[in-house]
N, C-alpha and C. Protein backbone atom coordinates (compact mmCIF):
# COMPACT_ATOMS: atom_id res chain seq x y z
N MET A 1 108.98 102.95 67.95
CA MET A 1 107.70 103.62 68.04
C MET A 1 107.66 104.39 69.35
N THR A 2 107.34 105.66 69.27
CA THR A 2 107.26 106.48 70.48
C THR A 2 105.95 106.18 71.20
N MET A 3 105.87 106.70 72.41
CA MET A 3 104.69 106.45 73.22
C MET A 3 103.44 107.05 72.57
N LEU A 4 103.57 108.23 72.01
CA LEU A 4 102.40 108.87 71.39
C LEU A 4 101.98 108.13 70.12
N GLU A 5 102.95 107.60 69.39
CA GLU A 5 102.62 106.80 68.21
C GLU A 5 101.90 105.52 68.63
N TYR A 6 102.40 104.91 69.72
CA TYR A 6 101.77 103.69 70.23
C TYR A 6 100.33 103.97 70.67
N GLU A 7 100.13 105.08 71.35
CA GLU A 7 98.79 105.42 71.83
C GLU A 7 97.84 105.64 70.65
N ALA A 8 98.32 106.30 69.62
CA ALA A 8 97.50 106.54 68.43
C ALA A 8 97.14 105.21 67.75
N ARG A 9 98.12 104.33 67.66
CA ARG A 9 97.88 103.01 67.04
C ARG A 9 96.93 102.18 67.90
N PHE A 10 97.10 102.25 69.21
CA PHE A 10 96.23 101.52 70.14
C PHE A 10 94.78 101.99 69.97
N SER A 11 94.59 103.30 69.92
CA SER A 11 93.24 103.86 69.74
C SER A 11 92.64 103.45 68.40
N GLU A 12 93.47 103.49 67.38
CA GLU A 12 93.00 103.12 66.04
C GLU A 12 92.56 101.65 66.00
N LEU A 13 93.37 100.77 66.56
CA LEU A 13 93.06 99.35 66.53
C LEU A 13 91.93 98.96 67.49
N SER A 14 91.74 99.75 68.53
CA SER A 14 90.69 99.41 69.50
C SER A 14 89.29 99.51 68.88
N LYS A 15 89.17 100.21 67.76
CA LYS A 15 87.88 100.28 67.06
C LYS A 15 87.45 98.90 66.57
N TYR A 16 88.46 98.06 66.28
CA TYR A 16 88.17 96.73 65.74
C TYR A 16 87.93 95.68 66.81
N ALA A 17 88.17 96.03 68.06
CA ALA A 17 87.94 95.09 69.17
C ALA A 17 87.29 95.83 70.33
N PRO A 18 86.06 96.29 70.14
CA PRO A 18 85.41 97.10 71.18
C PRO A 18 85.20 96.34 72.49
N HIS A 19 85.09 95.01 72.43
CA HIS A 19 84.89 94.24 73.65
C HIS A 19 86.14 94.27 74.55
N ILE A 20 87.30 94.47 73.96
CA ILE A 20 88.54 94.51 74.75
C ILE A 20 88.70 95.85 75.46
N VAL A 21 88.12 96.88 74.92
CA VAL A 21 88.24 98.21 75.51
C VAL A 21 86.88 98.72 76.00
N ALA A 22 86.03 97.79 76.43
CA ALA A 22 84.67 98.15 76.83
C ALA A 22 84.65 99.11 78.01
N ASP A 23 85.43 98.83 79.04
CA ASP A 23 85.48 99.77 80.16
C ASP A 23 86.90 100.33 80.30
N GLU A 24 87.00 101.45 81.00
CA GLU A 24 88.26 102.19 81.08
C GLU A 24 89.38 101.38 81.74
N ARG A 25 89.06 100.60 82.79
CA ARG A 25 90.07 99.80 83.50
C ARG A 25 90.68 98.75 82.56
N ARG A 26 89.82 98.07 81.83
CA ARG A 26 90.28 97.02 80.93
C ARG A 26 91.09 97.62 79.78
N LYS A 27 90.62 98.74 79.29
CA LYS A 27 91.32 99.45 78.22
C LYS A 27 92.72 99.84 78.69
N THR A 28 92.80 100.37 79.91
CA THR A 28 94.08 100.78 80.48
C THR A 28 95.01 99.59 80.66
N LYS A 29 94.47 98.49 81.17
CA LYS A 29 95.29 97.29 81.39
C LYS A 29 95.84 96.77 80.06
N ASN A 30 95.01 96.72 79.03
CA ASN A 30 95.46 96.26 77.72
C ASN A 30 96.50 97.20 77.12
N PHE A 31 96.32 98.49 77.36
CA PHE A 31 97.30 99.47 76.89
C PHE A 31 98.66 99.21 77.53
N VAL A 32 98.67 99.05 78.84
CA VAL A 32 99.92 98.82 79.58
C VAL A 32 100.56 97.50 79.16
N MET A 33 99.76 96.46 78.99
CA MET A 33 100.30 95.15 78.63
C MET A 33 100.86 95.13 77.20
N GLY A 34 100.47 96.07 76.39
CA GLY A 34 100.99 96.15 75.02
C GLY A 34 102.27 96.95 74.88
N LEU A 35 102.70 97.56 75.97
CA LEU A 35 103.93 98.36 75.93
C LEU A 35 105.15 97.47 75.78
N LYS A 36 106.25 98.05 75.33
CA LYS A 36 107.48 97.27 75.27
C LYS A 36 107.88 96.88 76.70
N PRO A 37 108.51 95.73 76.86
CA PRO A 37 108.78 95.18 78.19
C PRO A 37 109.48 96.14 79.15
N SER A 38 110.42 96.93 78.67
CA SER A 38 111.14 97.84 79.56
C SER A 38 110.21 98.87 80.20
N LEU A 39 109.19 99.29 79.48
CA LEU A 39 108.21 100.23 80.05
C LEU A 39 107.13 99.49 80.83
N ARG A 40 106.69 98.37 80.29
CA ARG A 40 105.61 97.62 80.93
C ARG A 40 105.97 97.24 82.37
N THR A 41 107.19 96.76 82.59
CA THR A 41 107.58 96.35 83.94
C THR A 41 107.58 97.51 84.91
N ARG A 42 107.83 98.70 84.42
CA ARG A 42 107.82 99.88 85.29
C ARG A 42 106.40 100.36 85.60
N LEU A 43 105.46 100.09 84.71
CA LEU A 43 104.10 100.62 84.88
C LEU A 43 103.11 99.63 85.44
N VAL A 44 103.37 98.34 85.27
CA VAL A 44 102.38 97.34 85.65
C VAL A 44 102.13 97.34 87.16
N ALA A 45 103.12 97.74 87.94
CA ALA A 45 102.96 97.75 89.40
C ALA A 45 101.97 98.82 89.85
N PHE A 46 101.84 99.88 89.08
CA PHE A 46 100.90 100.94 89.42
C PHE A 46 99.52 100.58 88.89
N ASP A 47 98.53 100.89 89.66
CA ASP A 47 97.16 100.57 89.26
C ASP A 47 96.52 101.82 88.65
N HIS A 48 96.86 102.07 87.40
CA HIS A 48 96.32 103.25 86.72
C HIS A 48 94.85 103.02 86.42
N ARG A 49 94.03 103.99 86.75
CA ARG A 49 92.58 103.84 86.58
C ARG A 49 92.11 104.28 85.19
N THR A 50 92.84 105.19 84.59
CA THR A 50 92.43 105.68 83.27
C THR A 50 93.58 105.56 82.28
N LEU A 51 93.21 105.57 81.02
CA LEU A 51 94.21 105.52 79.96
C LEU A 51 95.10 106.75 79.99
N ASP A 52 94.51 107.90 80.32
CA ASP A 52 95.29 109.14 80.40
C ASP A 52 96.38 109.05 81.47
N GLU A 53 96.04 108.45 82.63
CA GLU A 53 97.03 108.28 83.70
C GLU A 53 98.17 107.37 83.22
N ALA A 54 97.81 106.27 82.61
CA ALA A 54 98.81 105.31 82.13
C ALA A 54 99.68 105.94 81.04
N LEU A 55 99.06 106.66 80.13
CA LEU A 55 99.80 107.31 79.05
C LEU A 55 100.76 108.35 79.61
N SER A 56 100.29 109.14 80.55
CA SER A 56 101.14 110.16 81.16
C SER A 56 102.34 109.52 81.86
N ALA A 57 102.09 108.47 82.63
CA ALA A 57 103.18 107.77 83.33
C ALA A 57 104.14 107.14 82.32
N ALA A 58 103.61 106.56 81.26
CA ALA A 58 104.46 105.92 80.25
C ALA A 58 105.33 106.96 79.55
N CYS A 59 104.77 108.12 79.25
CA CYS A 59 105.55 109.18 78.61
C CYS A 59 106.67 109.66 79.53
N ARG A 60 106.36 109.80 80.82
CA ARG A 60 107.39 110.20 81.79
C ARG A 60 108.51 109.16 81.84
N GLN A 61 108.12 107.89 81.92
CA GLN A 61 109.10 106.81 81.99
C GLN A 61 109.95 106.76 80.71
N GLU A 62 109.30 106.94 79.58
CA GLU A 62 110.02 106.93 78.31
C GLU A 62 111.04 108.07 78.28
N GLY A 63 110.64 109.25 78.75
CA GLY A 63 111.55 110.39 78.82
C GLY A 63 112.72 110.13 79.74
N GLU A 64 112.44 109.53 80.90
CA GLU A 64 113.51 109.20 81.84
C GLU A 64 114.48 108.19 81.25
N MET A 65 113.94 107.19 80.55
CA MET A 65 114.80 106.18 79.94
C MET A 65 115.68 106.80 78.86
N GLU A 66 115.12 107.69 78.05
CA GLU A 66 115.89 108.36 77.00
C GLU A 66 116.99 109.22 77.61
N LYS A 67 116.64 109.93 78.67
CA LYS A 67 117.62 110.78 79.35
C LYS A 67 118.76 109.94 79.92
N TYR A 68 118.41 108.82 80.54
CA TYR A 68 119.41 107.92 81.10
C TYR A 68 120.34 107.39 80.01
N LEU A 69 119.75 106.96 78.89
CA LEU A 69 120.56 106.41 77.79
C LEU A 69 121.48 107.46 77.18
N GLU A 70 120.99 108.70 77.08
CA GLU A 70 121.82 109.79 76.55
C GLU A 70 123.00 110.07 77.48
N GLU A 71 122.72 110.10 78.81
CA GLU A 71 123.78 110.34 79.77
C GLU A 71 124.80 109.20 79.75
N LYS A 72 124.31 107.99 79.63
CA LYS A 72 125.20 106.83 79.59
C LYS A 72 126.07 106.89 78.34
N LYS A 73 125.45 107.23 77.21
CA LYS A 73 126.19 107.32 75.95
C LYS A 73 127.24 108.43 76.03
N ALA A 74 126.87 109.57 76.61
CA ALA A 74 127.80 110.69 76.72
C ALA A 74 128.96 110.35 77.64
N SER A 75 128.71 109.59 78.69
CA SER A 75 129.79 109.24 79.61
C SER A 75 130.73 108.22 78.99
N GLN A 76 130.27 107.46 78.02
CA GLN A 76 131.12 106.47 77.37
C GLN A 76 131.94 107.08 76.24
N LYS A 77 131.50 108.22 75.73
CA LYS A 77 132.24 108.88 74.66
C LYS A 77 133.47 109.53 75.26
N ARG A 78 134.58 109.36 74.60
CA ARG A 78 135.83 109.98 75.05
C ARG A 78 136.47 110.63 73.83
N PRO A 79 137.29 111.65 74.05
CA PRO A 79 138.00 112.23 72.92
C PRO A 79 138.89 111.18 72.26
N ALA A 80 139.13 111.33 70.98
CA ALA A 80 139.90 110.34 70.22
C ALA A 80 141.27 110.11 70.83
N ALA A 81 141.89 111.13 71.40
CA ALA A 81 143.23 111.00 71.95
C ALA A 81 143.28 110.00 73.10
N THR A 82 142.22 109.84 73.86
CA THR A 82 142.25 108.91 74.99
C THR A 82 142.22 107.47 74.53
N PHE A 83 141.88 107.22 73.28
CA PHE A 83 141.87 105.86 72.78
C PHE A 83 143.20 105.46 72.14
N GLN A 84 144.14 106.39 72.10
CA GLN A 84 145.44 106.07 71.53
C GLN A 84 146.19 105.17 72.49
N TRP A 85 147.19 104.49 71.97
CA TRP A 85 147.99 103.60 72.82
C TRP A 85 148.69 104.43 73.88
N LEU A 86 148.67 103.95 75.10
CA LEU A 86 149.34 104.65 76.18
C LEU A 86 150.82 104.26 76.18
N ASP A 87 151.66 105.24 76.39
CA ASP A 87 153.08 104.98 76.48
C ASP A 87 153.35 104.44 77.88
N LYS A 88 153.80 103.20 77.97
CA LYS A 88 153.97 102.55 79.27
C LYS A 88 154.95 103.30 80.16
N LYS A 89 156.03 103.82 79.56
CA LYS A 89 157.03 104.53 80.36
C LYS A 89 156.43 105.80 80.96
N LYS A 90 155.64 106.49 80.17
CA LYS A 90 155.08 107.76 80.61
C LYS A 90 153.92 107.56 81.58
N ALA A 91 153.04 106.60 81.29
CA ALA A 91 151.86 106.38 82.11
C ALA A 91 152.24 105.86 83.49
N GLY A 92 153.02 104.79 83.52
CA GLY A 92 153.45 104.26 84.80
C GLY A 92 152.36 103.55 85.59
N TYR A 93 151.14 103.57 85.11
CA TYR A 93 150.04 102.93 85.81
C TYR A 93 149.42 101.86 84.93
N PRO A 94 149.60 100.59 85.25
CA PRO A 94 149.00 99.55 84.42
C PRO A 94 147.48 99.57 84.48
N THR A 95 146.90 100.17 85.53
CA THR A 95 145.44 100.21 85.63
C THR A 95 144.83 101.13 84.59
N GLN A 96 145.58 102.12 84.12
CA GLN A 96 145.04 103.01 83.10
C GLN A 96 144.75 102.25 81.81
N GLN A 97 145.65 101.36 81.44
CA GLN A 97 145.42 100.59 80.23
C GLN A 97 144.20 99.69 80.39
N ARG A 98 144.04 99.09 81.55
CA ARG A 98 142.89 98.21 81.76
C ARG A 98 141.59 99.00 81.69
N SER A 99 141.56 100.20 82.26
CA SER A 99 140.32 100.97 82.24
C SER A 99 139.95 101.38 80.82
N VAL A 100 140.94 101.65 79.98
CA VAL A 100 140.65 101.98 78.59
C VAL A 100 140.05 100.77 77.90
N ALA A 101 140.64 99.59 78.14
CA ALA A 101 140.13 98.37 77.52
C ALA A 101 138.72 98.06 78.00
N VAL A 102 138.48 98.23 79.30
CA VAL A 102 137.15 97.95 79.84
C VAL A 102 136.15 98.94 79.27
N GLY A 103 136.54 100.22 79.23
CA GLY A 103 135.62 101.23 78.71
C GLY A 103 135.28 101.01 77.25
N SER A 104 136.27 100.61 76.46
CA SER A 104 136.00 100.44 75.04
C SER A 104 135.19 99.18 74.77
N SER A 105 135.24 98.20 75.68
CA SER A 105 134.46 96.98 75.43
C SER A 105 132.99 97.18 75.77
N GLN A 106 132.68 98.27 76.46
CA GLN A 106 131.30 98.51 76.84
C GLN A 106 130.59 99.47 75.90
N VAL A 107 131.30 100.04 74.95
CA VAL A 107 130.73 101.10 74.13
C VAL A 107 129.54 100.68 73.28
N PRO A 108 129.69 99.77 72.31
CA PRO A 108 128.53 99.52 71.45
C PRO A 108 127.59 98.48 72.03
N SER A 109 126.29 98.71 71.88
CA SER A 109 125.33 97.74 72.38
C SER A 109 125.36 96.47 71.55
N VAL A 110 125.76 96.57 70.30
CA VAL A 110 125.85 95.39 69.44
C VAL A 110 126.87 94.42 70.00
N ARG A 111 127.93 94.96 70.56
CA ARG A 111 128.99 94.12 71.08
C ARG A 111 128.51 93.32 72.28
N SER A 112 127.62 93.88 73.08
CA SER A 112 127.13 93.16 74.24
C SER A 112 126.32 91.93 73.82
N LEU A 113 125.85 91.91 72.59
CA LEU A 113 125.13 90.75 72.09
C LEU A 113 126.09 89.70 71.53
N GLY A 114 127.39 89.98 71.57
CA GLY A 114 128.37 89.02 71.09
C GLY A 114 128.67 89.16 69.61
N VAL A 115 128.19 90.22 68.98
CA VAL A 115 128.41 90.43 67.55
C VAL A 115 129.38 91.59 67.40
N LYS A 116 130.48 91.34 66.69
CA LYS A 116 131.45 92.40 66.45
C LYS A 116 131.31 92.86 65.01
N LYS A 117 131.15 94.17 64.83
CA LYS A 117 131.04 94.71 63.48
C LYS A 117 132.42 95.07 62.98
N GLU A 118 132.68 94.67 61.76
CA GLU A 118 133.96 94.95 61.12
C GLU A 118 133.89 96.31 60.45
N CYS A 119 134.93 97.09 60.60
CA CYS A 119 135.00 98.41 59.99
C CYS A 119 135.09 98.25 58.47
N PRO A 120 134.24 98.96 57.71
CA PRO A 120 134.28 98.84 56.25
C PRO A 120 135.51 99.51 55.63
N HIS A 121 136.22 100.33 56.41
CA HIS A 121 137.37 101.06 55.87
C HIS A 121 138.69 100.32 56.04
N CYS A 122 138.88 99.68 57.21
CA CYS A 122 140.17 99.03 57.45
C CYS A 122 140.04 97.55 57.78
N GLY A 123 138.82 97.06 58.00
CA GLY A 123 138.60 95.64 58.26
C GLY A 123 138.79 95.22 59.71
N LYS A 124 139.08 96.15 60.59
CA LYS A 124 139.28 95.82 62.01
C LYS A 124 138.02 96.13 62.80
N THR A 125 137.95 95.62 64.04
CA THR A 125 136.85 95.96 64.93
C THR A 125 137.36 96.99 65.93
N HIS A 126 136.75 98.17 65.94
CA HIS A 126 137.23 99.27 66.77
C HIS A 126 136.56 99.32 68.13
N GLY A 127 135.48 98.65 68.33
CA GLY A 127 134.79 98.72 69.61
C GLY A 127 134.15 100.07 69.86
N GLY A 128 133.65 100.70 68.85
CA GLY A 128 132.91 101.95 69.03
C GLY A 128 133.72 103.20 68.78
N THR A 129 135.03 103.09 68.56
CA THR A 129 135.84 104.27 68.29
C THR A 129 135.86 104.54 66.79
N GLU A 130 136.21 105.76 66.44
CA GLU A 130 136.27 106.10 65.02
C GLU A 130 137.48 105.43 64.38
N CYS A 131 137.35 105.11 63.12
CA CYS A 131 138.44 104.47 62.38
C CYS A 131 139.57 105.47 62.16
N TRP A 132 140.80 105.03 62.41
CA TRP A 132 141.96 105.91 62.24
C TRP A 132 142.16 106.31 60.78
N MET A 133 141.68 105.47 59.86
CA MET A 133 141.82 105.80 58.44
C MET A 133 140.92 106.98 58.07
N ILE A 134 139.80 107.11 58.76
CA ILE A 134 138.87 108.21 58.48
C ILE A 134 139.33 109.48 59.17
N THR A 135 139.70 109.38 60.45
CA THR A 135 140.08 110.57 61.20
C THR A 135 141.41 111.14 60.73
N GLY A 136 142.31 110.26 60.25
CA GLY A 136 143.60 110.72 59.76
C GLY A 136 144.51 111.26 60.84
N LYS A 137 144.28 110.88 62.08
CA LYS A 137 145.07 111.39 63.19
C LYS A 137 146.29 110.52 63.44
N CYS A 138 147.26 111.11 64.10
CA CYS A 138 148.47 110.40 64.47
C CYS A 138 148.13 109.34 65.51
N LEU A 139 148.64 108.13 65.31
CA LEU A 139 148.36 107.04 66.23
C LEU A 139 149.20 107.11 67.51
N LYS A 140 150.18 108.00 67.55
CA LYS A 140 151.02 108.15 68.74
C LYS A 140 150.46 109.21 69.68
N CYS A 141 150.18 110.41 69.15
CA CYS A 141 149.76 111.51 70.02
C CYS A 141 148.32 111.98 69.78
N GLY A 142 147.69 111.53 68.69
CA GLY A 142 146.30 111.90 68.43
C GLY A 142 146.13 113.20 67.66
N SER A 143 147.21 113.84 67.28
CA SER A 143 147.13 115.09 66.55
C SER A 143 146.66 114.85 65.12
N SER A 144 145.92 115.81 64.58
CA SER A 144 145.49 115.69 63.19
C SER A 144 146.42 116.46 62.25
N ASP A 145 147.52 117.01 62.79
CA ASP A 145 148.48 117.76 61.99
C ASP A 145 149.44 116.87 61.21
N HIS A 146 149.61 115.62 61.67
CA HIS A 146 150.59 114.74 61.04
C HIS A 146 150.19 113.28 61.28
N LYS A 147 150.91 112.38 60.61
CA LYS A 147 150.73 110.94 60.80
C LYS A 147 151.82 110.44 61.76
N ILE A 148 151.71 109.20 62.17
CA ILE A 148 152.66 108.65 63.15
C ILE A 148 154.10 108.66 62.64
N LYS A 149 154.31 108.46 61.35
CA LYS A 149 155.69 108.43 60.81
C LYS A 149 156.38 109.78 60.97
N ASP A 150 155.59 110.87 61.05
CA ASP A 150 156.17 112.21 61.20
C ASP A 150 155.97 112.77 62.60
N CYS A 151 155.61 111.95 63.55
CA CYS A 151 155.29 112.42 64.90
C CYS A 151 156.54 112.94 65.61
N PRO A 152 156.47 114.15 66.15
CA PRO A 152 157.63 114.70 66.87
C PRO A 152 157.95 113.90 68.14
N ARG A 153 156.97 113.26 68.71
CA ARG A 153 157.21 112.46 69.91
C ARG A 153 158.08 111.25 69.61
N LEU A 154 157.94 110.68 68.43
CA LEU A 154 158.79 109.55 68.06
C LEU A 154 160.23 110.02 67.88
N GLN A 155 160.40 111.20 67.30
CA GLN A 155 161.73 111.73 67.05
C GLN A 155 162.41 112.13 68.36
N GLN A 156 161.62 112.54 69.37
CA GLN A 156 162.15 112.92 70.67
C GLN A 156 162.44 111.70 71.53
N GLY A 157 161.86 110.56 71.18
CA GLY A 157 162.05 109.35 71.98
C GLY A 157 161.14 109.32 73.19
N VAL A 158 160.04 110.05 73.15
CA VAL A 158 159.09 110.11 74.27
C VAL A 158 158.19 108.91 74.24
């Protein structure tokens, strides 16, 4: 529910409990206390005098939270090629493999709850990456021109 939807619902329901919204301060306090916890904790410290002030602040906070989550999601997305197995001889840095593993374990929010979703296409847990069966890309180099059995890098011994 967005902030504006919540405000509309709050106004609609306040008709049925006029004693709770009798004065503006009490109405504002009840509005703030009904927000989802992530917003409520950010707004409760401010002493908003009117519902309009609280609504405006809540909308700003909601926008900031959405922006933060979008930036976080974008920074976690990587091109499919970076999720391919690293060639140990070529990479030479064991830390690169660890950073890929760490990055992929942080991708889905469901995973942070301890629940792993199984891919409906191959039965494995990808940790937020696309299924190789769907993308059809080479598992060695990430190219969509061929499969791993026909990969030129395998034939070159790279």
